[in-house]
Amino acid sequence: MGEGWIRWTLNRTHGNPAETWTEGKGPGLYRESGDTMDHKAKFAVDCLHKQYPESDRLPDDACLVFVRDGGVCVRNSSTPTIFEKVSPDLPGGLKRDARYLGHRGPVACYAVEVPGDLPLPEGLAHSGVRELAGLIPDEELAVAGLAVQIIDYDRTTRFCGRCGTPTEPARTERAKVCPSCHRIIYPRLSPAIIVLVRKNDAILMVRGKRAPPGRYSLVAGFVEPGETIEDAVRREVREEAGVAIKNLRYRASEPWPFPDSLMIGFVADYNGGEIVPDGVEVESAVWVDREHLPALPPRLSLTRALIDDWAASREHGCANEIEGSEEI
């Protein structure tokens, strides 16, 4: 691997069971024990397993998730659920366009998009995915996010971007295939970093121009072509807030299907400079201590997990250098 590549692990199965990779003073990376963050990614789908080749028709006993307008349909009963059985009344076009998500035990699970000109199946109501947090089990919330993401992928890859021919679903992997030029189109995945920057007993918080009133968050942004993940962290902090960082540490990651992000979370230490918001994406950036935290994002995302982990920590202040680290 090249010098700029982050090599990380969480909860390794050999050696120390709780190790993370930490950037050192040189080009290499350093390993530090006991620095993992206990974060359960809400949209990590661990209740499904994939079985290929997938069926060429919708199984009669399949489990369905109905999707519409970037949200899902939920049955409002004493136990709300997004999972539905195949109905004899389901239009043939919807059956044909159902997209395989994976298996829940022995049962295949599919996402089905319901067009706006069709009524929702009886007894179902439309909801945004994030609005279902706490209302349905976490495993269903994760599947809801995956269903929306896969339907978005299906909708935006109906034609080959190279020759314009209608694409066909691959049956042996999650992909589309162009029958004309044989191009393979995989689901888009957009890596994005998010970083909690510490300065003594405070952290850097930013307010985006489109954020709800009073809401602050952490520096975040997408990784650009040609840069490493850790370089993306340094660039985003410099661009959005005007400061430099050091001691970059990986903490956790999570899928964020709105529509196709993979969030990669870090902690870093302040290394000089005065705060200067970019004025484009960020209208305000401030150092905030534990006693003066502003309105925070909901307890759903990696952003809030990083902040809560720091706020609950008994470590006040940041060391200037990583002590007792071992170069990998």
Protein backbone atom coordinates (compact mmCIF):
# COMPACT_ATOMS: atom_id res chain seq x y z
CA MET A 1 0.00 0.00 0.00
CA GLY A 2 1.16 3.54 -0.66
CA GLU A 3 2.18 5.98 2.04
CA GLY A 4 -1.08 7.91 1.86
CA TRP A 5 -3.39 4.93 2.40
CA ILE A 6 -5.07 4.60 5.77
CA ARG A 7 -4.79 1.05 7.10
CA TRP A 8 -7.29 0.64 9.89
CA THR A 9 -9.20 -1.94 11.85
CA LEU A 10 -11.79 -1.98 14.61
CA ASN A 11 -12.10 -4.80 17.16
CA ARG A 12 -9.44 -6.94 15.55
CA THR A 13 -9.87 -10.67 15.88
CA HIS A 14 -6.17 -11.26 16.57
CA GLY A 15 -3.74 -9.47 18.84
CA ASN A 16 -5.16 -6.63 20.89
CA PRO A 17 -8.98 -6.79 20.61
CA ALA A 18 -9.36 -2.99 20.62
CA GLU A 19 -6.91 -1.23 18.37
CA THR A 20 -7.13 1.69 15.96
CA TRP A 21 -4.69 3.12 13.47
CA THR A 22 -3.33 6.57 14.17
CA GLU A 23 -1.40 8.91 11.92
CA GLY A 24 2.14 9.59 13.14
CA LYS A 25 4.54 12.45 12.59
CA GLY A 26 6.04 10.78 9.54
CA PRO A 27 4.37 9.38 6.41
CA GLY A 28 3.48 6.10 8.15
CA LEU A 29 0.59 5.32 10.44
CA TYR A 30 0.71 4.37 14.09
CA ARG A 31 -1.26 1.94 16.18
CA GLU A 32 -2.78 2.92 19.49
CA SER A 33 -4.63 0.65 21.91
CA GLY A 34 -7.95 1.25 23.66
CA ASP A 35 -9.19 4.02 21.36
CA THR A 36 -12.13 2.42 19.59
CA MET A 37 -15.58 4.01 19.71
CA ASP A 38 -18.63 1.92 20.48
CA HIS A 39 -20.90 3.01 17.63
CA LYS A 40 -23.80 1.03 16.19
CA ALA A 41 -24.33 2.33 12.67
CA LYS A 42 -28.10 2.63 12.29
CA PHE A 43 -28.03 1.99 8.54
CA ALA A 44 -25.60 -0.92 8.55
CA VAL A 45 -27.59 -3.85 7.16
CA ASP A 46 -26.48 -6.92 9.07
CA CYS A 47 -29.82 -8.76 9.05
CA LEU A 48 -29.64 -9.65 5.34
CA HIS A 49 -27.34 -12.03 3.50
CA LYS A 50 -27.05 -12.26 -0.29
CA GLN A 51 -27.62 -15.47 -2.23
CA TYR A 52 -26.64 -15.54 -5.92
CA PRO A 53 -27.69 -16.16 -8.54
CA GLU A 54 -30.89 -14.39 -7.67
CA SER A 55 -34.22 -15.62 -8.97
CA ASP A 56 -35.34 -14.44 -12.43
CA ARG A 57 -38.83 -13.86 -11.03
CA LEU A 58 -40.27 -12.53 -7.79
CA PRO A 59 -40.78 -15.49 -5.43
CA ASP A 60 -44.33 -15.94 -4.14
CA ASP A 61 -43.06 -15.99 -0.55
CA ALA A 62 -40.82 -12.93 -0.90
CA CYS A 63 -40.70 -10.13 1.64
CA LEU A 64 -41.33 -6.71 0.08
CA VAL A 65 -40.38 -3.15 1.00
CA PHE A 66 -42.41 -0.54 -0.91
CA VAL A 67 -40.55 2.64 -1.85
CA ARG A 68 -41.88 5.97 -3.06
CA ASP A 69 -40.32 9.44 -3.42
CA GLY A 70 -37.19 8.69 -1.41
CA GLY A 71 -39.17 7.14 1.45
CA VAL A 72 -40.80 3.84 2.32
CA CYS A 73 -44.28 2.61 3.09
CA VAL A 74 -45.04 1.47 6.62
CA ARG A 75 -48.00 -0.45 8.00
CA ASN A 76 -49.37 1.52 10.94
CA SER A 77 -50.46 -1.23 13.29
CA SER A 78 -49.77 -1.98 16.92
CA THR A 79 -46.33 -3.05 15.70
CA PRO A 80 -45.39 -0.83 12.72
CA THR A 81 -43.42 -2.60 10.00
CA ILE A 82 -42.08 -1.97 6.50
CA PHE A 83 -42.15 -5.65 5.52
CA GLU A 84 -45.04 -6.88 3.37
CA LYS A 85 -45.98 -10.16 1.72
CA VAL A 86 -46.54 -10.57 -2.01
CA SER A 87 -50.18 -9.85 -2.76
CA PRO A 88 -52.08 -11.44 -5.68
CA ASP A 89 -53.22 -7.90 -6.53
CA LEU A 90 -49.66 -6.60 -6.99
CA PRO A 91 -49.42 -5.26 -10.58
CA GLY A 92 -47.24 -7.31 -12.90
CA GLY A 93 -45.06 -4.31 -13.70
CA LEU A 94 -44.15 -3.83 -10.05
CA LYS A 95 -43.34 -7.52 -9.73
CA ARG A 96 -41.10 -7.37 -12.80
CA ASP A 97 -39.19 -4.33 -11.51
CA ALA A 98 -38.71 -5.57 -7.94
CA ARG A 99 -35.05 -5.32 -6.92
CA TYR A 100 -33.34 -7.92 -4.78
CA LEU A 101 -31.99 -6.73 -1.41
CA GLY A 102 -30.91 -9.97 0.23
CA HIS A 103 -32.32 -12.81 2.29
CA ARG A 104 -33.81 -12.57 5.78
CA GLY A 105 -33.13 -16.10 6.87
CA PRO A 106 -34.63 -18.28 4.13
CA VAL A 107 -36.88 -15.51 2.72
CA ALA A 108 -35.78 -13.27 -0.15
CA CYS A 109 -36.36 -9.55 0.41
CA TYR A 110 -37.06 -7.13 -2.45
CA ALA A 111 -37.56 -3.38 -2.88
CA VAL A 112 -40.54 -2.35 -5.00
CA GLU A 113 -41.00 1.22 -6.23
CA VAL A 114 -44.61 2.43 -6.26
CA PRO A 115 -44.98 5.21 -8.88
CA GLY A 116 -46.73 8.39 -7.84
CA ASP A 117 -49.68 7.72 -10.15
CA LEU A 118 -50.55 4.47 -8.37
CA PRO A 119 -52.28 4.25 -4.99
CA LEU A 120 -50.31 2.82 -2.10
CA PRO A 121 -51.17 -0.73 -1.08
CA GLU A 122 -54.09 -0.78 1.35
CA GLY A 123 -53.16 -0.09 4.95
CA LEU A 124 -49.79 1.49 4.16
CA ALA A 125 -48.63 5.07 4.74
CA HIS A 126 -45.63 6.85 3.26
CA SER A 127 -42.81 7.99 5.52
CA GLY A 128 -39.30 9.34 5.26
CA VAL A 129 -36.71 6.80 6.36
CA ARG A 130 -35.14 8.90 9.13
CA GLU A 131 -38.58 9.69 10.55
CA LEU A 132 -39.00 5.98 11.31
CA ALA A 133 -36.09 5.87 13.77
CA GLY A 134 -37.43 4.60 17.07
CA LEU A 135 -40.78 3.61 15.52
CA ILE A 136 -39.63 0.41 13.83
CA PRO A 137 -36.86 -2.02 14.85
CA ASP A 138 -33.33 -0.92 13.99
CA GLU A 139 -32.87 -3.81 11.56
CA GLU A 140 -35.94 -2.67 9.61
CA LEU A 141 -34.67 0.92 9.61
CA ALA A 142 -31.42 -0.26 8.03
CA VAL A 143 -33.29 -2.27 5.39
CA ALA A 144 -35.50 0.76 4.66
CA GLY A 145 -32.39 2.82 3.95
CA LEU A 146 -30.97 0.10 1.71
CA ALA A 147 -34.26 -0.21 -0.19
CA VAL A 148 -34.35 3.52 -0.92
CA GLN A 149 -30.69 3.46 -1.98
CA ILE A 150 -31.13 0.49 -4.33
CA ILE A 151 -34.27 1.94 -5.93
CA ASP A 152 -32.40 5.22 -6.51
CA TYR A 153 -29.55 3.24 -8.09
CA ASP A 154 -32.01 1.34 -10.26
CA ARG A 155 -33.75 4.51 -11.39
CA THR A 156 -30.51 6.29 -12.35
CA THR A 157 -28.91 3.37 -14.22
CA ARG A 158 -31.71 2.29 -16.54
CA PHE A 159 -29.61 3.23 -19.54
CA CYS A 160 -25.94 2.65 -20.23
CA GLY A 161 -23.93 5.83 -19.72
CA ARG A 162 -21.57 4.79 -22.50
CA CYS A 163 -23.86 3.79 -25.38
CA GLY A 164 -27.41 4.56 -24.17
CA THR A 165 -28.72 0.99 -24.40
CA PRO A 166 -31.23 -0.08 -21.72
CA THR A 167 -29.43 -1.99 -18.99
CA GLU A 168 -30.37 -5.32 -17.45
CA PRO A 169 -29.94 -6.51 -13.85
CA ALA A 170 -27.08 -8.92 -13.29
CA ARG A 171 -28.25 -12.03 -11.50
CA THR A 172 -24.90 -13.04 -10.00
CA GLU A 173 -24.04 -9.79 -8.17
CA ARG A 174 -25.53 -6.40 -7.34
CA ALA A 175 -24.92 -4.71 -10.67
CA LYS A 176 -26.43 -3.69 -14.01
CA VAL A 177 -25.08 -4.91 -17.35
CA CYS A 178 -25.30 -3.27 -20.76
CA PRO A 179 -26.22 -6.00 -23.28
CA SER A 180 -24.68 -3.95 -26.10
CA CYS A 181 -21.23 -2.82 -24.92
CA HIS A 182 -21.12 -5.12 -21.85
CA ARG A 183 -20.36 -2.30 -19.46
CA ILE A 184 -21.02 -3.22 -15.81
CA ILE A 185 -22.55 -0.53 -13.57
CA TYR A 186 -22.28 -1.02 -9.82
CA PRO A 187 -24.17 0.96 -7.17
CA ARG A 188 -22.58 4.32 -6.57
CA LEU A 189 -20.90 4.74 -3.20
CA SER A 190 -19.71 8.23 -2.22
CA PRO A 191 -17.08 8.23 0.57
CA ALA A 192 -17.38 11.21 2.89
CA ILE A 193 -15.30 12.15 5.91
CA ILE A 194 -16.43 13.68 9.17
CA VAL A 195 -14.01 14.86 11.83
CA LEU A 196 -14.15 16.04 15.43
CA VAL A 197 -11.29 18.52 15.89
CA ARG A 198 -10.13 19.09 19.49
CA LYS A 199 -8.39 22.11 20.95
CA ASN A 200 -7.63 21.78 24.66
CA ASP A 201 -11.09 21.32 26.24
CA ALA A 202 -13.15 22.36 23.22
CA ILE A 203 -14.12 21.05 19.80
CA LEU A 204 -14.58 22.75 16.45
CA MET A 205 -18.23 23.08 15.44
CA VAL A 206 -19.59 24.53 12.22
CA ARG A 207 -22.96 25.79 11.12
CA GLY A 208 -23.90 25.15 7.52
CA LYS A 209 -25.96 27.64 5.57
CA ARG A 210 -28.76 25.11 5.12
CA ALA A 211 -28.77 23.85 8.71
CA PRO A 212 -31.87 24.30 10.91
CA PRO A 213 -31.78 27.43 13.10
CA GLY A 214 -29.21 27.11 15.88
CA ARG A 215 -27.97 23.70 14.70
CA TYR A 216 -24.21 23.09 14.66
CA SER A 217 -22.32 20.05 13.47
CA LEU A 218 -18.80 18.82 12.67
CA VAL A 219 -16.66 19.45 9.61
CA ALA A 220 -17.62 16.98 6.88
CA GLY A 221 -17.24 16.59 3.15
CA PHE A 222 -16.80 14.21 0.25
CA VAL A 223 -13.50 12.66 -0.77
CA GLU A 224 -12.39 14.02 -4.13
CA PRO A 225 -10.80 12.05 -7.00
CA GLY A 226 -7.06 11.73 -6.63
CA GLU A 227 -6.84 12.27 -2.86
CA THR A 228 -6.51 9.94 0.10
CA ILE A 229 -9.11 9.88 2.83
CA GLU A 230 -6.80 11.51 5.36
CA ASP A 231 -5.92 14.27 2.88
CA ALA A 232 -9.64 14.86 2.42
CA VAL A 233 -9.97 15.40 6.19
CA ARG A 234 -7.17 17.99 6.24
CA ARG A 235 -8.55 19.75 3.15
CA GLU A 236 -12.12 19.97 4.43
CA VAL A 237 -11.04 21.39 7.79
CA ARG A 238 -8.81 23.93 6.08
CA GLU A 239 -11.46 24.91 3.51
CA GLU A 240 -14.45 25.12 5.86
CA ALA A 241 -12.79 26.56 8.98
CA GLY A 242 -9.31 27.75 8.01
CA VAL A 243 -7.32 25.76 10.61
CA ALA A 244 -4.71 22.99 10.44
CA ILE A 245 -4.91 19.63 12.22
CA LYS A 246 -2.61 16.82 13.40
CA ASN A 247 -2.83 13.42 15.14
CA LEU A 248 -5.56 12.15 12.84
CA ARG A 249 -7.32 9.05 14.21
CA TYR A 250 -9.93 6.84 12.61
CA ARG A 251 -12.90 6.14 14.93
CA ALA A 252 -15.84 4.56 13.09
CA SER A 253 -17.79 4.43 9.84
CA GLU A 254 -21.38 4.04 8.73
CA PRO A 255 -23.42 3.78 5.54
CA TRP A 256 -25.62 6.83 5.04
CA PRO A 257 -28.12 6.04 2.26
CA PHE A 258 -29.20 9.63 1.48
CA PRO A 259 -28.64 8.76 -1.24
CA ASP A 260 -25.35 6.80 -1.30
CA SER A 261 -22.73 8.00 1.19
CA LEU A 262 -20.27 6.05 3.30
CA MET A 263 -19.36 8.22 6.30
CA ILE A 264 -15.84 7.75 7.69
CA GLY A 265 -15.35 9.32 11.12
CA PHE A 266 -12.14 10.73 12.59
CA VAL A 267 -10.82 12.62 15.59
CA ALA A 268 -7.95 15.11 15.18
CA ASP A 269 -6.12 17.75 17.19
CA TYR A 270 -5.81 21.46 16.39
CA ASN A 271 -2.45 22.42 14.88
CA GLY A 272 -2.62 26.16 14.32
CA GLY A 273 -4.45 28.89 12.46
CA GLU A 274 -7.39 31.21 13.11
CA ILE A 275 -10.96 30.22 12.38
CA VAL A 276 -12.16 31.63 9.06
CA PRO A 277 -15.49 30.16 7.83
CA ASP A 278 -15.53 29.67 4.07
CA GLY A 279 -18.77 31.66 3.70
CA VAL A 280 -19.97 29.25 1.02
CA GLU A 281 -20.99 26.08 2.83
CA VAL A 282 -20.23 27.23 6.37
CA GLU A 283 -21.51 30.50 7.79
CA SER A 284 -20.12 30.11 11.32
CA ALA A 285 -17.36 28.08 13.01
CA VAL A 286 -16.61 28.16 16.73
CA TRP A 287 -14.73 26.36 19.50
CA VAL A 288 -17.22 24.90 21.98
CA ASP A 289 -16.58 23.25 25.35
CA ARG A 290 -18.70 20.57 27.02
CA GLU A 291 -20.68 23.07 29.08
CA HIS A 292 -21.76 25.18 26.09
CA LEU A 293 -22.77 22.72 23.40
CA PRO A 294 -25.31 24.17 20.93
CA ALA A 295 -28.27 22.38 19.35
CA LEU A 296 -26.91 19.09 18.03
CA PRO A 297 -27.95 16.66 15.28
CA PRO A 298 -30.31 13.84 16.36
CA ARG A 299 -28.89 10.67 17.93
CA LEU A 300 -29.00 8.83 14.63
CA SER A 301 -25.78 9.66 12.84
CA LEU A 302 -22.04 9.24 13.25
CA THR A 303 -21.83 13.01 13.77
CA ARG A 304 -23.75 12.81 17.02
CA ALA A 305 -21.91 9.65 18.08
CA LEU A 306 -18.53 11.39 17.76
CA ILE A 307 -19.77 14.39 19.77
CA ASP A 308 -21.39 12.27 22.48
CA ASP A 309 -18.29 10.10 22.78
CA TRP A 310 -16.13 13.20 23.27
CA ALA A 311 -18.59 14.84 25.69
CA ALA A 312 -18.69 11.72 27.85
CA SER A 313 -14.94 11.29 27.87
CA ARG A 314 -13.01 12.02 31.05
CA GLU A 315 -9.99 13.06 28.99
CA HIS A 316 -9.80 16.84 29.04
CA GLY A 317 -7.36 18.42 26.65
CA CYS A 318 -5.26 16.85 23.91
CA ALA A 319 -1.66 15.72 23.90
CA ASN A 320 0.65 17.43 21.45
CA GLU A 321 2.02 14.10 20.29
CA ILE A 322 0.99 10.45 20.37
CA GLU A 323 2.83 8.82 23.26
CA GLY A 324 3.85 5.16 23.26
CA SER A 325 2.70 4.46 19.71
CA GLU A 326 4.11 1.71 17.58
CA GLU A 327 4.85 2.35 13.91
CA ILE A 328 3.19 -0.15 11.60
